[in-house]
Amino acid sequence: EPRARLLSAAELRRYRGAPGEPGLYLALLGRVFDVERGRKHYGPGGAYSGFAGRDATRAFASGDFTPAGLVDDVSGLSPPELLSIHSWLSFYSRHYEPVGKLVGRFYDENGAPTEALREAEAAIEEALKFQAESEQQKQQFPPCNSEWSADKGTRFWCSRQSGGVHRAWAGVPRKLFSPGSRGSRCVCVRSSGPPWGQPHSSSDTGDLEHPHLQPYEGCPPLAEQCVLLT
């Protein structure tokens, strides 16, 4: 493949789309994109003009468009913020032409990835893995419906759409505990059939035997709703 174009930070600053400048570029995680077709957004006076001519990766996650926020330092970002960066990188890769790499935090003078880029990519991979696991858990244990009133207390109940997860079963309310956390949340649990991910199991109690689940005190074991008096 032809050698990717390498730009210094000073060169990239010349691509802010102003009259007399050679073009309109921005960088994300050190990858430079030609965003001329989005001039109304990134050109002078545009809502995202602060992104032009620089790598402002952090701002894509934080939403901080001040000079202090328009930087490429991604240290300390949360998994959801890292997923936002991943989503934006996918967006630019689909809709805008990549033109090269920015020499600096993420690529060295030879265009090779730096340790900072490897760390950022590893953190994004971990965030993607966590997202996939969270989505799987939501399918296995959809959130309960709930309501509270001063005279009746808190009511938890399950339906075939509770938690925004459409399914063929309603389930029964249980407390789900996360390892390392004292808190719990109400989830709907299948009470028949084989356990999740074990289609050939002879068990016919669904996921009721999952070790991180506890029933609500005073609630019938297979009731689709529980009322906790305050």
Protein backbone atom coordinates (compact mmCIF):
# COMPACT_ATOMS: atom_id res chain seq x y z
CA GLU A 1 0.00 0.00 0.00
CA PRO A 2 1.20 3.54 -0.62
CA ARG A 3 2.71 5.27 2.36
CA ALA A 4 0.06 7.18 4.32
CA ARG A 5 0.47 10.94 4.34
CA LEU A 6 1.94 12.18 7.61
CA LEU A 7 1.00 15.62 8.90
CA SER A 8 2.48 17.59 11.75
CA ALA A 9 0.24 19.55 14.10
CA ALA A 10 1.41 22.77 12.42
CA GLU A 11 0.46 21.43 8.98
CA LEU A 12 -2.94 20.29 10.17
CA ARG A 13 -3.69 23.76 11.56
CA ARG A 14 -3.54 25.07 7.98
CA TYR A 15 -6.63 23.01 7.14
CA ARG A 16 -9.36 24.91 8.97
CA GLY A 17 -11.27 25.88 5.85
CA ALA A 18 -10.60 29.61 5.94
CA PRO A 19 -10.11 31.55 2.68
CA GLY A 20 -6.64 30.88 1.30
CA GLU A 21 -6.17 27.68 3.26
CA PRO A 22 -5.69 24.40 1.34
CA GLY A 23 -8.66 22.52 2.74
CA LEU A 24 -10.73 21.40 5.71
CA TYR A 25 -9.40 18.52 7.80
CA LEU A 26 -9.86 17.14 11.30
CA ALA A 27 -8.20 14.29 13.19
CA LEU A 28 -9.63 11.67 15.50
CA LEU A 29 -7.32 9.32 17.40
CA GLY A 30 -4.59 10.58 15.09
CA ARG A 31 -6.39 9.65 11.87
CA VAL A 32 -6.92 12.62 9.57
CA PHE A 33 -10.12 13.03 7.53
CA ASP A 34 -11.06 15.47 4.78
CA VAL A 35 -14.37 16.95 5.97
CA GLU A 36 -14.87 19.44 3.15
CA ARG A 37 -18.25 17.92 2.30
CA GLY A 38 -19.35 18.82 5.85
CA ARG A 39 -18.19 22.44 5.56
CA LYS A 40 -21.43 23.83 7.00
CA HIS A 41 -20.64 21.95 10.23
CA TYR A 42 -16.84 22.15 10.38
CA GLY A 43 -15.97 25.26 8.41
CA PRO A 44 -15.57 28.76 9.88
CA GLY A 45 -18.71 29.71 11.76
CA GLY A 46 -19.98 26.11 11.84
CA ALA A 47 -21.19 24.50 15.04
CA TYR A 48 -18.20 22.14 15.06
CA SER A 49 -15.57 24.46 13.64
CA GLY A 50 -13.48 23.92 16.76
CA PHE A 51 -12.68 20.42 15.55
CA ALA A 52 -11.13 21.63 12.30
CA GLY A 53 -7.37 21.66 11.92
CA ARG A 54 -6.65 19.65 15.05
CA ASP A 55 -7.10 16.37 16.90
CA ALA A 56 -9.81 17.04 19.48
CA THR A 57 -10.63 13.42 20.26
CA ARG A 58 -11.49 14.07 23.89
CA ALA A 59 -14.22 16.57 22.99
CA PHE A 60 -16.02 13.94 20.90
CA ALA A 61 -16.62 12.09 24.16
CA SER A 62 -16.88 14.90 26.70
CA GLY A 63 -18.77 17.52 24.70
CA ASP A 64 -16.39 20.15 26.08
CA PHE A 65 -15.78 22.51 23.14
CA THR A 66 -13.65 24.95 25.11
CA PRO A 67 -9.92 25.20 24.31
CA ALA A 68 -9.23 23.05 27.38
CA GLY A 69 -11.55 20.34 26.05
CA LEU A 70 -10.50 20.37 22.39
CA VAL A 71 -7.49 18.13 22.99
CA ASP A 72 -6.36 14.62 22.04
CA ASP A 73 -5.77 13.31 25.58
CA VAL A 74 -8.21 10.43 26.21
CA SER A 75 -6.85 9.30 29.58
CA GLY A 76 -9.42 8.76 32.30
CA LEU A 77 -12.44 8.52 30.00
CA SER A 78 -15.26 6.21 31.03
CA PRO A 79 -16.34 3.16 28.97
CA PRO A 80 -19.39 5.01 27.57
CA GLU A 81 -17.17 7.92 26.55
CA LEU A 82 -14.73 5.56 24.85
CA LEU A 83 -17.65 3.97 23.00
CA SER A 84 -18.65 7.43 21.81
CA ILE A 85 -15.17 7.91 20.31
CA HIS A 86 -15.42 4.49 18.65
CA SER A 87 -18.79 5.44 17.19
CA TRP A 88 -17.48 8.74 15.82
CA LEU A 89 -14.45 7.03 14.29
CA SER A 90 -16.77 4.60 12.52
CA PHE A 91 -18.87 7.53 11.33
CA TYR A 92 -15.93 9.41 9.81
CA SER A 93 -14.55 6.23 8.26
CA ARG A 94 -17.89 5.69 6.50
CA HIS A 95 -18.67 9.23 5.42
CA TYR A 96 -15.39 11.07 4.93
CA GLU A 97 -12.16 10.41 3.07
CA PRO A 98 -9.14 9.45 5.22
CA VAL A 99 -6.12 11.46 4.10
CA GLY A 100 -3.35 10.46 6.50
CA LYS A 101 -2.10 10.39 10.06
CA LEU A 102 -1.19 13.07 12.54
CA VAL A 103 2.30 12.82 13.98
CA GLY A 104 2.08 13.28 17.73
CA ARG A 105 0.27 11.47 20.51
CA PHE A 106 -1.04 8.53 18.46
CA TYR A 107 1.45 8.12 15.59
CA ASP A 108 5.19 8.62 15.51
CA GLU A 109 7.23 10.32 12.78
CA ASN A 110 7.22 7.08 10.78
CA GLY A 111 3.45 6.68 10.97
CA ALA A 112 3.67 3.79 13.42
CA PRO A 113 1.14 3.54 16.26
CA THR A 114 2.38 4.81 19.61
CA GLU A 115 1.86 3.24 23.00
CA ALA A 116 -0.84 5.86 23.67
CA LEU A 117 -2.82 4.64 20.65
CA ARG A 118 -2.42 1.01 21.65
CA GLU A 119 -3.66 1.82 25.14
CA ALA A 120 -6.64 3.77 23.77
CA GLU A 121 -7.57 0.97 21.38
CA ALA A 122 -7.28 -1.63 24.14
CA ALA A 123 -9.54 0.47 26.38
CA ILE A 124 -12.09 0.78 23.57
CA GLU A 125 -11.99 -3.00 23.05
CA GLU A 126 -12.68 -3.50 26.76
CA ALA A 127 -15.59 -1.05 26.57
CA LEU A 128 -17.02 -2.90 23.57
CA LYS A 129 -16.71 -6.20 25.42
CA PHE A 130 -18.44 -4.73 28.47
CA GLN A 131 -21.22 -3.34 26.27
CA ALA A 132 -21.78 -6.75 24.65
CA GLU A 133 -21.87 -8.45 28.05
CA SER A 134 -24.31 -5.84 29.39
CA GLU A 135 -26.61 -6.33 26.40
CA GLN A 136 -26.50 -10.09 26.86
CA GLN A 137 -27.34 -9.74 30.54
CA LYS A 138 -30.25 -7.43 29.67
CA GLN A 139 -31.63 -10.11 27.35
CA GLN A 140 -31.20 -12.77 30.04
CA PHE A 141 -32.41 -10.60 32.92
CA PRO A 142 -34.63 -7.76 31.60
CA PRO A 143 -35.36 -4.96 34.09
CA CYS A 144 -38.65 -5.07 35.99
CA ASN A 145 -41.40 -2.51 35.73
CA SER A 146 -41.74 -0.55 38.97
CA GLU A 147 -43.88 2.11 40.62
CA TRP A 148 -44.03 3.70 44.05
CA SER A 149 -46.77 5.34 46.06
CA ALA A 150 -46.80 6.60 49.63
CA ASP A 151 -49.79 4.48 50.65
CA LYS A 152 -48.96 1.24 48.78
CA GLY A 153 -45.15 1.17 48.78
CA THR A 154 -43.12 -0.13 45.85
CA ARG A 155 -44.52 -2.54 43.28
CA PHE A 156 -42.29 -4.56 40.95
CA TRP A 157 -43.79 -6.58 38.11
CA CYS A 158 -42.80 -8.35 34.93
CA SER A 159 -44.34 -8.36 31.48
CA ARG A 160 -43.29 -9.52 28.04
CA GLN A 161 -42.05 -6.00 27.26
CA SER A 162 -40.60 -4.89 30.62
CA GLY A 163 -37.22 -3.21 30.41
CA GLY A 164 -37.79 -2.60 26.70
CA VAL A 165 -36.92 -6.25 25.96
CA HIS A 166 -39.63 -7.89 23.85
CA ARG A 167 -39.73 -11.62 24.49
CA ALA A 168 -42.00 -14.68 24.62
CA TRP A 169 -41.95 -14.90 28.43
CA ALA A 170 -42.76 -12.50 31.27
CA GLY A 171 -40.68 -13.87 34.10
CA VAL A 172 -40.78 -13.34 37.85
CA PRO A 173 -39.14 -10.51 39.86
CA ARG A 174 -35.84 -11.19 41.56
CA LYS A 175 -33.04 -9.11 43.06
CA LEU A 176 -29.88 -9.31 40.92
CA PHE A 177 -26.59 -8.61 42.68
CA SER A 178 -23.41 -7.70 40.83
CA PRO A 179 -20.14 -9.21 42.10
CA GLY A 180 -18.31 -6.74 44.30
CA SER A 181 -21.37 -4.55 44.84
CA ARG A 182 -23.75 -4.45 47.79
CA GLY A 183 -26.57 -3.00 45.73
CA SER A 184 -29.12 -4.92 43.71
CA ARG A 185 -31.67 -4.22 41.00
CA CYS A 186 -34.95 -5.82 40.08
CA VAL A 187 -34.88 -8.10 37.06
CA CYS A 188 -37.32 -10.50 35.43
CA VAL A 189 -36.22 -14.12 35.46
CA ARG A 190 -37.42 -17.06 33.38
CA SER A 191 -38.97 -19.68 35.63
CA SER A 192 -39.18 -22.59 33.19
CA GLY A 193 -37.08 -24.25 30.52
CA PRO A 194 -33.28 -24.79 30.52
CA PRO A 195 -30.94 -22.14 31.96
CA TRP A 196 -29.60 -19.39 29.69
CA GLY A 197 -26.93 -20.71 27.35
CA GLN A 198 -27.55 -24.34 28.33
CA PRO A 199 -30.14 -25.58 25.81
CA HIS A 200 -29.41 -29.26 26.55
CA SER A 201 -29.72 -29.00 30.33
CA SER A 202 -32.30 -31.22 32.02
CA SER A 203 -33.21 -28.43 34.43
CA ASP A 204 -36.66 -26.93 33.92
CA THR A 205 -36.49 -23.96 36.29
CA GLY A 206 -35.12 -21.41 33.84
CA ASP A 207 -32.59 -19.11 35.50
CA LEU A 208 -34.07 -19.22 39.01
CA GLU A 209 -30.99 -21.04 40.33
CA HIS A 210 -28.56 -18.36 39.16
CA PRO A 211 -26.17 -17.65 42.09
CA HIS A 212 -26.49 -13.86 41.87
CA LEU A 213 -30.27 -13.85 42.30
CA GLN A 214 -32.32 -13.54 45.48
CA PRO A 215 -36.12 -13.60 45.89
CA TYR A 216 -37.98 -10.68 47.44
CA GLU A 217 -38.94 -11.42 51.04
CA GLY A 218 -42.67 -11.96 51.42
CA CYS A 219 -43.22 -12.36 47.68
CA PRO A 220 -44.63 -15.70 46.40
CA PRO A 221 -41.82 -17.52 44.54
CA LEU A 222 -43.51 -17.58 41.13
CA ALA A 223 -45.59 -14.39 41.36
CA GLU A 224 -45.21 -12.01 38.41
CA GLN A 225 -45.41 -9.03 40.77
CA CYS A 226 -44.16 -8.10 44.25
CA VAL A 227 -45.30 -5.31 46.56
CA LEU A 228 -42.84 -4.04 49.16
CA LEU A 229 -44.47 -2.02 51.89
CA THR A 230 -42.63 1.07 53.12
